[in-house]
PDB file of all heavy atoms in Angstrom:
ATOM      1  N   ARG A   1     -13.695   5.320 -58.323  1.00  0.00           N
ATOM      2  CA  ARG A   1     -14.317   5.640 -59.678  1.00  0.00           C
ATOM      3  C   ARG A   1     -15.414   4.714 -59.917  1.00  0.00           C
ATOM      4  O   ARG A   1     -15.525   3.583 -59.360  1.00  0.00           O
ATOM      5  CB  ARG A   1     -13.174   5.523 -60.737  1.00  0.00           C
ATOM      6  CG  ARG A   1     -12.131   6.464 -60.694  1.00  0.00           C
ATOM      7  CD  ARG A   1     -11.184   6.268 -62.009  1.00  0.00           C
ATOM      8  NE  ARG A   1     -10.232   7.207 -62.005  1.00  0.00           N
ATOM      9  CZ  ARG A   1      -9.056   7.057 -61.417  1.00  0.00           C
ATOM     10  NH1 ARG A   1      -8.797   6.037 -60.642  1.00  0.00           N
ATOM     11  NH2 ARG A   1      -8.086   8.048 -61.588  1.00  0.00           N
ATOM     12  N   LEU A   2     -16.388   5.205 -60.649  1.00  0.00           N
ATOM     13  CA  LEU A   2     -17.432   4.261 -61.220  1.00  0.00           C
ATOM     14  C   LEU A   2     -16.986   3.863 -62.684  1.00  0.00           C
ATOM     15  O   LEU A   2     -16.546   4.671 -63.449  1.00  0.00           O
ATOM     16  CB  LEU A   2     -18.717   5.008 -61.181  1.00  0.00           C
ATOM     17  CG  LEU A   2     -19.990   4.225 -61.710  1.00  0.00           C
ATOM     18  CD1 LEU A   2     -20.211   3.097 -60.654  1.00  0.00           C
ATOM     19  CD2 LEU A   2     -21.199   5.201 -61.839  1.00  0.00           C
ATOM     20  N   ALA A   3     -17.070   2.637 -62.932  1.00  0.00           N
ATOM     21  CA  ALA A   3     -16.757   2.098 -64.236  1.00  0.00           C
ATOM     22  C   ALA A   3     -17.573   2.865 -65.329  1.00  0.00           C
ATOM     23  O   ALA A   3     -18.672   3.291 -64.983  1.00  0.00           O
ATOM     24  CB  ALA A   3     -17.006   0.687 -64.368  1.00  0.00           C
ATOM     25  N   PRO A   4     -16.945   3.056 -66.478  1.00  0.00           N
ATOM     26  CA  PRO A   4     -17.659   3.963 -67.520  1.00  0.00           C
ATOM     27  C   PRO A   4     -19.072   3.261 -67.891  1.00  0.00           C
ATOM     28  O   PRO A   4     -19.985   4.069 -68.122  1.00  0.00           O
ATOM     29  CB  PRO A   4     -16.752   3.814 -68.708  1.00  0.00           C
ATOM     30  CG  PRO A   4     -15.436   3.601 -68.145  1.00  0.00           C
ATOM     31  CD  PRO A   4     -15.660   2.792 -66.912  1.00  0.00           C
ATOM     32  N   ASP A   5     -19.326   2.076 -67.743  1.00  0.00           N
ATOM     33  CA  ASP A   5     -20.515   1.493 -68.067  1.00  0.00           C
ATOM     34  C   ASP A   5     -21.438   1.205 -66.735  1.00  0.00           C
ATOM     35  O   ASP A   5     -22.566   0.744 -66.814  1.00  0.00           O
ATOM     36  CB  ASP A   5     -20.471   0.149 -68.900  1.00  0.00           C
ATOM     37  CG  ASP A   5     -19.803  -0.868 -67.932  1.00  0.00           C
ATOM     38  OD1 ASP A   5     -19.305  -0.621 -66.894  1.00  0.00           O
ATOM     39  OD2 ASP A   5     -19.619  -2.056 -68.539  1.00  0.00           O
ATOM     40  N   GLY A   6     -20.921   1.740 -65.557  1.00  0.00           N
ATOM     41  CA  GLY A   6     -21.689   1.612 -64.274  1.00  0.00           C
ATOM     42  C   GLY A   6     -21.719   0.190 -63.775  1.00  0.00           C
ATOM     43  O   GLY A   6     -22.415  -0.070 -62.827  1.00  0.00           O
ATOM     44  N   SER A   7     -20.853  -0.704 -64.232  1.00  0.00           N
ATOM     45  CA  SER A   7     -20.905  -2.071 -63.921  1.00  0.00           C
ATOM     46  C   SER A   7     -20.246  -2.423 -62.569  1.00  0.00           C
ATOM     47  O   SER A   7     -20.437  -3.431 -61.935  1.00  0.00           O
ATOM     48  CB  SER A   7     -20.277  -2.997 -65.013  1.00  0.00           C
ATOM     49  OG  SER A   7     -18.901  -2.685 -65.101  1.00  0.00           O
ATOM     50  N   GLU A   8     -19.323  -1.537 -62.123  1.00  0.00           N
ATOM     51  CA  GLU A   8     -18.660  -1.702 -60.906  1.00  0.00           C
ATOM     52  C   GLU A   8     -18.113  -0.436 -60.334  1.00  0.00           C
ATOM     53  O   GLU A   8     -17.831   0.581 -61.018  1.00  0.00           O
ATOM     54  CB  GLU A   8     -17.469  -2.693 -61.103  1.00  0.00           C
ATOM     55  CG  GLU A   8     -16.327  -2.244 -62.118  1.00  0.00           C
ATOM     56  CD  GLU A   8     -15.391  -3.393 -62.353  1.00  0.00           C
ATOM     57  OE1 GLU A   8     -15.715  -4.495 -62.261  1.00  0.00           O
ATOM     58  OE2 GLU A   8     -14.355  -2.945 -62.883  1.00  0.00           O
ATOM     59  N   VAL A   9     -17.895  -0.387 -59.058  1.00  0.00           N
ATOM     60  CA  VAL A   9     -17.180   0.650 -58.361  1.00  0.00           C
ATOM     61  C   VAL A   9     -15.622   0.258 -58.221  1.00  0.00           C
ATOM     62  O   VAL A   9     -15.403  -0.870 -57.723  1.00  0.00           O
ATOM     63  CB  VAL A   9     -17.705   0.875 -56.964  1.00  0.00           C
ATOM     64  CG1 VAL A   9     -16.830   1.894 -56.174  1.00  0.00           C
ATOM     65  CG2 VAL A   9     -19.086   1.385 -57.127  1.00  0.00           C
ATOM     66  N   ARG A  10     -14.719   1.109 -58.700  1.00  0.00           N
ATOM     67  CA  ARG A  10     -13.307   0.683 -58.672  1.00  0.00           C
ATOM     68  C   ARG A  10     -12.604   1.609 -57.703  1.00  0.00           C
ATOM     69  O   ARG A  10     -12.653   2.861 -57.706  1.00  0.00           O
ATOM     70  CB  ARG A  10     -12.721   0.863 -60.120  1.00  0.00           C
ATOM     71  CG  ARG A  10     -13.328   0.068 -61.129  1.00  0.00           C
ATOM     72  CD  ARG A  10     -12.840   0.496 -62.397  1.00  0.00           C
ATOM     73  NE  ARG A  10     -13.392  -0.438 -63.491  1.00  0.00           N
ATOM     74  CZ  ARG A  10     -13.404  -0.191 -64.753  1.00  0.00           C
ATOM     75  NH1 ARG A  10     -12.665   0.803 -65.271  1.00  0.00           N
ATOM     76  NH2 ARG A  10     -14.014  -0.980 -65.677  1.00  0.00           N
ATOM     77  N   ILE A  11     -11.909   0.857 -56.840  1.00  0.00           N
ATOM     78  CA  ILE A  11     -10.950   1.632 -55.845  1.00  0.00           C
ATOM     79  C   ILE A  11      -9.545   1.250 -56.054  1.00  0.00           C
ATOM     80  O   ILE A  11      -9.257   0.016 -55.963  1.00  0.00           O
ATOM     81  CB  ILE A  11     -11.380   1.356 -54.389  1.00  0.00           C
ATOM     82  CG1 ILE A  11     -12.938   1.726 -54.207  1.00  0.00           C
ATOM     83  CG2 ILE A  11     -10.537   2.047 -53.393  1.00  0.00           C
ATOM     84  CD1 ILE A  11     -13.423   1.316 -52.731  1.00  0.00           C
ATOM     85  N   THR A  12      -8.763   2.191 -56.309  1.00  0.00           N
ATOM     86  CA  THR A  12      -7.209   2.050 -56.411  1.00  0.00           C
ATOM     87  C   THR A  12      -6.755   2.452 -55.083  1.00  0.00           C
ATOM     88  O   THR A  12      -7.122   3.438 -54.508  1.00  0.00           O
ATOM     89  CB  THR A  12      -6.675   2.953 -57.463  1.00  0.00           C
ATOM     90  OG1 THR A  12      -7.289   2.490 -58.819  1.00  0.00           O
ATOM     91  CG2 THR A  12      -5.179   2.618 -57.657  1.00  0.00           C
ATOM     92  N   MET A  13      -5.839   1.571 -54.455  1.00  0.00           N
ATOM     93  CA  MET A  13      -5.427   1.756 -53.147  1.00  0.00           C
ATOM     94  C   MET A  13      -3.964   1.604 -52.993  1.00  0.00           C
ATOM     95  O   MET A  13      -3.414   0.697 -53.789  1.00  0.00           O
ATOM     96  CB  MET A  13      -6.247   0.950 -52.187  1.00  0.00           C
ATOM     97  CG  MET A  13      -6.222  -0.499 -52.570  1.00  0.00           C
ATOM     98  SD  MET A  13      -7.439  -1.451 -51.532  1.00  0.00           S
ATOM     99  CE  MET A  13      -6.649  -1.483 -49.890  1.00  0.00           C
ATOM    100  N   PRO A  14      -3.186   2.208 -52.144  1.00  0.00           N
ATOM    101  CA  PRO A  14      -1.878   1.998 -51.863  1.00  0.00           C
ATOM    102  C   PRO A  14      -1.573   0.569 -51.305  1.00  0.00           C
ATOM    103  O   PRO A  14      -2.596   0.053 -50.757  1.00  0.00           O
ATOM    104  CB  PRO A  14      -1.362   3.103 -50.887  1.00  0.00           C
ATOM    105  CG  PRO A  14      -2.566   4.005 -50.823  1.00  0.00           C
ATOM    106  CD  PRO A  14      -3.783   3.339 -51.311  1.00  0.00           C
ATOM    107  N   ALA A  15      -0.434   0.059 -51.381  1.00  0.00           N
ATOM    108  CA  ALA A  15      -0.145  -1.113 -50.838  1.00  0.00           C
ATOM    109  C   ALA A  15      -0.359  -1.251 -49.304  1.00  0.00           C
ATOM    110  O   ALA A  15      -0.752  -2.256 -48.761  1.00  0.00           O
ATOM    111  CB  ALA A  15       1.230  -1.623 -51.157  1.00  0.00           C
ATOM    112  N   TRP A  16      -0.246  -0.118 -48.590  1.00  0.00           N
ATOM    113  CA  TRP A  16      -0.252  -0.103 -47.194  1.00  0.00           C
ATOM    114  C   TRP A  16      -1.792  -0.022 -46.712  1.00  0.00           C
ATOM    115  O   TRP A  16      -2.038  -0.283 -45.598  1.00  0.00           O
ATOM    116  CB  TRP A  16       0.579   0.963 -46.597  1.00  0.00           C
ATOM    117  CG  TRP A  16       0.183   2.369 -47.209  1.00  0.00           C
ATOM    118  CD1 TRP A  16       0.918   2.815 -48.113  1.00  0.00           C
ATOM    119  CD2 TRP A  16      -0.827   3.195 -46.906  1.00  0.00           C
ATOM    120  NE1 TRP A  16       0.451   4.068 -48.495  1.00  0.00           N
ATOM    121  CE2 TRP A  16      -0.657   4.394 -47.691  1.00  0.00           C
ATOM    122  CE3 TRP A  16      -1.757   3.197 -45.996  1.00  0.00           C
ATOM    123  CZ2 TRP A  16      -1.452   5.401 -47.718  1.00  0.00           C
ATOM    124  CZ3 TRP A  16      -2.709   4.326 -45.977  1.00  0.00           C
ATOM    125  CH2 TRP A  16      -2.609   5.352 -46.782  1.00  0.00           C
ATOM    126  N   ALA A  17      -2.684   0.307 -47.515  1.00  0.00           N
ATOM    127  CA  ALA A  17      -4.090   0.536 -47.133  1.00  0.00           C
ATOM    128  C   ALA A  17      -4.854  -0.744 -46.823  1.00  0.00           C
ATOM    129  O   ALA A  17      -4.480  -1.768 -47.408  1.00  0.00           O
ATOM    130  CB  ALA A  17      -4.869   1.293 -48.160  1.00  0.00           C
ATOM    131  N   GLU A  18      -5.791  -0.716 -45.951  1.00  0.00           N
ATOM    132  CA  GLU A  18      -6.558  -1.857 -45.557  1.00  0.00           C
ATOM    133  C   GLU A  18      -7.799  -2.037 -46.457  1.00  0.00           C
ATOM    134  O   GLU A  18      -8.498  -0.945 -46.732  1.00  0.00           O
ATOM    135  CB  GLU A  18      -6.974  -1.770 -44.102  1.00  0.00           C
ATOM    136  CG  GLU A  18      -5.855  -1.652 -43.227  1.00  0.00           C
ATOM    137  CD  GLU A  18      -5.818  -2.889 -42.217  1.00  0.00           C
ATOM    138  OE1 GLU A  18      -6.635  -3.671 -42.285  1.00  0.00           O
ATOM    139  OE2 GLU A  18      -4.781  -2.925 -41.472  1.00  0.00           O
ATOM    140  N   GLY A  19      -8.134  -3.133 -46.878  1.00  0.00           N
ATOM    141  CA  GLY A  19      -9.276  -3.374 -47.634  1.00  0.00           C
ATOM    142  C   GLY A  19     -10.654  -2.827 -47.004  1.00  0.00           C
ATOM    143  O   GLY A  19     -11.429  -2.329 -47.667  1.00  0.00           O
ATOM    144  N   ARG A  20     -10.762  -3.085 -45.761  1.00  0.00           N
ATOM    145  CA  ARG A  20     -11.967  -2.710 -45.094  1.00  0.00           C
ATOM    146  C   ARG A  20     -12.154  -1.192 -45.069  1.00  0.00           C
ATOM    147  O   ARG A  20     -13.187  -0.650 -45.147  1.00  0.00           O
ATOM    148  CB  ARG A  20     -12.126  -3.213 -43.744  1.00  0.00           C
ATOM    149  CG  ARG A  20     -11.099  -2.730 -42.734  1.00  0.00           C
ATOM    150  CD  ARG A  20     -11.297  -3.413 -41.371  1.00  0.00           C
ATOM    151  NE  ARG A  20     -10.387  -2.740 -40.436  1.00  0.00           N
ATOM    152  CZ  ARG A  20      -9.203  -3.367 -39.985  1.00  0.00           C
ATOM    153  NH1 ARG A  20      -8.849  -4.565 -40.572  1.00  0.00           N
ATOM    154  NH2 ARG A  20      -8.381  -2.766 -39.150  1.00  0.00           N
ATOM    155  N   GLU A  21     -10.982  -0.348 -44.997  1.00  0.00           N
ATOM    156  CA  GLU A  21     -11.067   1.008 -45.122  1.00  0.00           C
ATOM    157  C   GLU A  21     -11.555   1.469 -46.443  1.00  0.00           C
ATOM    158  O   GLU A  21     -12.351   2.399 -46.656  1.00  0.00           O
ATOM    159  CB  GLU A  21      -9.693   1.630 -44.844  1.00  0.00           C
ATOM    160  CG  GLU A  21      -9.116   1.497 -43.442  1.00  0.00           C
ATOM    161  CD  GLU A  21      -7.692   1.962 -43.248  1.00  0.00           C
ATOM    162  OE1 GLU A  21      -7.233   2.690 -44.265  1.00  0.00           O
ATOM    163  OE2 GLU A  21      -7.101   1.642 -42.276  1.00  0.00           O
ATOM    164  N   ALA A  22     -11.032   0.830 -47.550  1.00  0.00           N
ATOM    165  CA  ALA A  22     -11.429   1.224 -48.862  1.00  0.00           C
ATOM    166  C   ALA A  22     -12.962   0.909 -49.086  1.00  0.00           C
ATOM    167  O   ALA A  22     -13.660   1.738 -49.783  1.00  0.00           O
ATOM    168  CB  ALA A  22     -10.606   0.296 -49.820  1.00  0.00           C
ATOM    169  N   ILE A  23     -13.453  -0.244 -48.563  1.00  0.00           N
ATOM    170  CA  ILE A  23     -14.836  -0.485 -48.606  1.00  0.00           C
ATOM    171  C   ILE A  23     -15.760   0.555 -47.843  1.00  0.00           C
ATOM    172  O   ILE A  23     -16.732   0.943 -48.337  1.00  0.00           O
ATOM    173  CB  ILE A  23     -15.060  -1.946 -48.181  1.00  0.00           C
ATOM    174  CG1 ILE A  23     -14.531  -2.902 -49.247  1.00  0.00           C
ATOM    175  CG2 ILE A  23     -16.592  -2.259 -48.024  1.00  0.00           C
ATOM    176  CD1 ILE A  23     -14.425  -4.408 -48.699  1.00  0.00           C
ATOM    177  N   ALA A  24     -15.283   0.893 -46.580  1.00  0.00           N
ATOM    178  CA  ALA A  24     -15.930   1.847 -45.926  1.00  0.00           C
ATOM    179  C   ALA A  24     -16.021   3.304 -46.666  1.00  0.00           C
ATOM    180  O   ALA A  24     -16.993   3.921 -46.646  1.00  0.00           O
ATOM    181  CB  ALA A  24     -15.273   2.088 -44.516  1.00  0.00           C
ATOM    182  N   PHE A  25     -14.861   3.538 -47.331  1.00  0.00           N
ATOM    183  CA  PHE A  25     -14.648   4.740 -48.027  1.00  0.00           C
ATOM    184  C   PHE A  25     -15.796   4.767 -49.222  1.00  0.00           C
ATOM    185  O   PHE A  25     -16.523   5.686 -49.340  1.00  0.00           O
ATOM    186  CB  PHE A  25     -13.341   4.885 -48.800  1.00  0.00           C
ATOM    187  CG  PHE A  25     -13.050   6.018 -49.543  1.00  0.00           C
ATOM    188  CD1 PHE A  25     -13.282   7.374 -49.080  1.00  0.00           C
ATOM    189  CD2 PHE A  25     -12.645   5.902 -50.858  1.00  0.00           C
ATOM    190  CE1 PHE A  25     -12.944   8.515 -49.841  1.00  0.00           C
ATOM    191  CE2 PHE A  25     -12.489   6.966 -51.702  1.00  0.00           C
ATOM    192  CZ  PHE A  25     -12.547   8.194 -51.186  1.00  0.00           C
ATOM    193  N   ALA A  26     -16.065   3.596 -49.948  1.00  0.00           N
ATOM    194  CA  ALA A  26     -17.053   3.559 -50.966  1.00  0.00           C
ATOM    195  C   ALA A  26     -18.341   3.733 -50.408  1.00  0.00           C
ATOM    196  O   ALA A  26     -19.221   4.406 -50.962  1.00  0.00           O
ATOM    197  CB  ALA A  26     -16.832   2.184 -51.614  1.00  0.00           C
ATOM    198  N   HIS A  27     -18.598   3.112 -49.276  1.00  0.00           N
ATOM    199  CA  HIS A  27     -19.949   3.188 -48.701  1.00  0.00           C
ATOM    200  C   HIS A  27     -20.289   4.698 -48.236  1.00  0.00           C
ATOM    201  O   HIS A  27     -21.418   5.098 -48.283  1.00  0.00           O
ATOM    202  CB  HIS A  27     -20.153   2.109 -47.586  1.00  0.00           C
ATOM    203  CG  HIS A  27     -20.361   0.699 -48.029  1.00  0.00           C
ATOM    204  ND1 HIS A  27     -21.581   0.355 -48.541  1.00  0.00           N
ATOM    205  CD2 HIS A  27     -19.571  -0.282 -48.160  1.00  0.00           C
ATOM    206  CE1 HIS A  27     -21.498  -0.884 -48.860  1.00  0.00           C
ATOM    207  NE2 HIS A  27     -20.189  -1.341 -48.781  1.00  0.00           N
ATOM    208  N   SER A  28     -19.185   5.273 -47.788  1.00  0.00           N
ATOM    209  CA  SER A  28     -19.507   6.655 -47.139  1.00  0.00           C
ATOM    210  C   SER A  28     -19.755   7.605 -48.451  1.00  0.00           C
ATOM    211  O   SER A  28     -20.276   8.679 -48.256  1.00  0.00           O
ATOM    212  CB  SER A  28     -18.215   7.107 -46.415  1.00  0.00           C
ATOM    213  OG  SER A  28     -17.089   7.355 -47.293  1.00  0.00           O
ATOM    214  N   ARG A  29     -19.333   7.210 -49.717  1.00  0.00           N
ATOM    215  CA  ARG A  29     -19.538   8.068 -50.801  1.00  0.00           C
ATOM    216  C   ARG A  29     -20.699   7.478 -51.732  1.00  0.00           C
ATOM    217  O   ARG A  29     -20.790   7.870 -52.881  1.00  0.00           O
ATOM    218  CB  ARG A  29     -18.287   8.125 -51.701  1.00  0.00           C
ATOM    219  CG  ARG A  29     -17.030   8.642 -51.009  1.00  0.00           C
ATOM    220  CD  ARG A  29     -17.252  10.182 -50.606  1.00  0.00           C
ATOM    221  NE  ARG A  29     -15.996  10.811 -50.181  1.00  0.00           N
ATOM    222  CZ  ARG A  29     -15.549  10.848 -48.842  1.00  0.00           C
ATOM    223  NH1 ARG A  29     -16.185  10.144 -48.058  1.00  0.00           N
ATOM    224  NH2 ARG A  29     -14.386  11.362 -48.637  1.00  0.00           N
TER     225      ARG A  29
END
């Protein structure tokens, strides 16, 4: 999600997910 004011990209992730995967996901989108 993009914060309503555009100040940050927010990624909610499961406990088992890797941070680098989440960051790569954001960059791919």
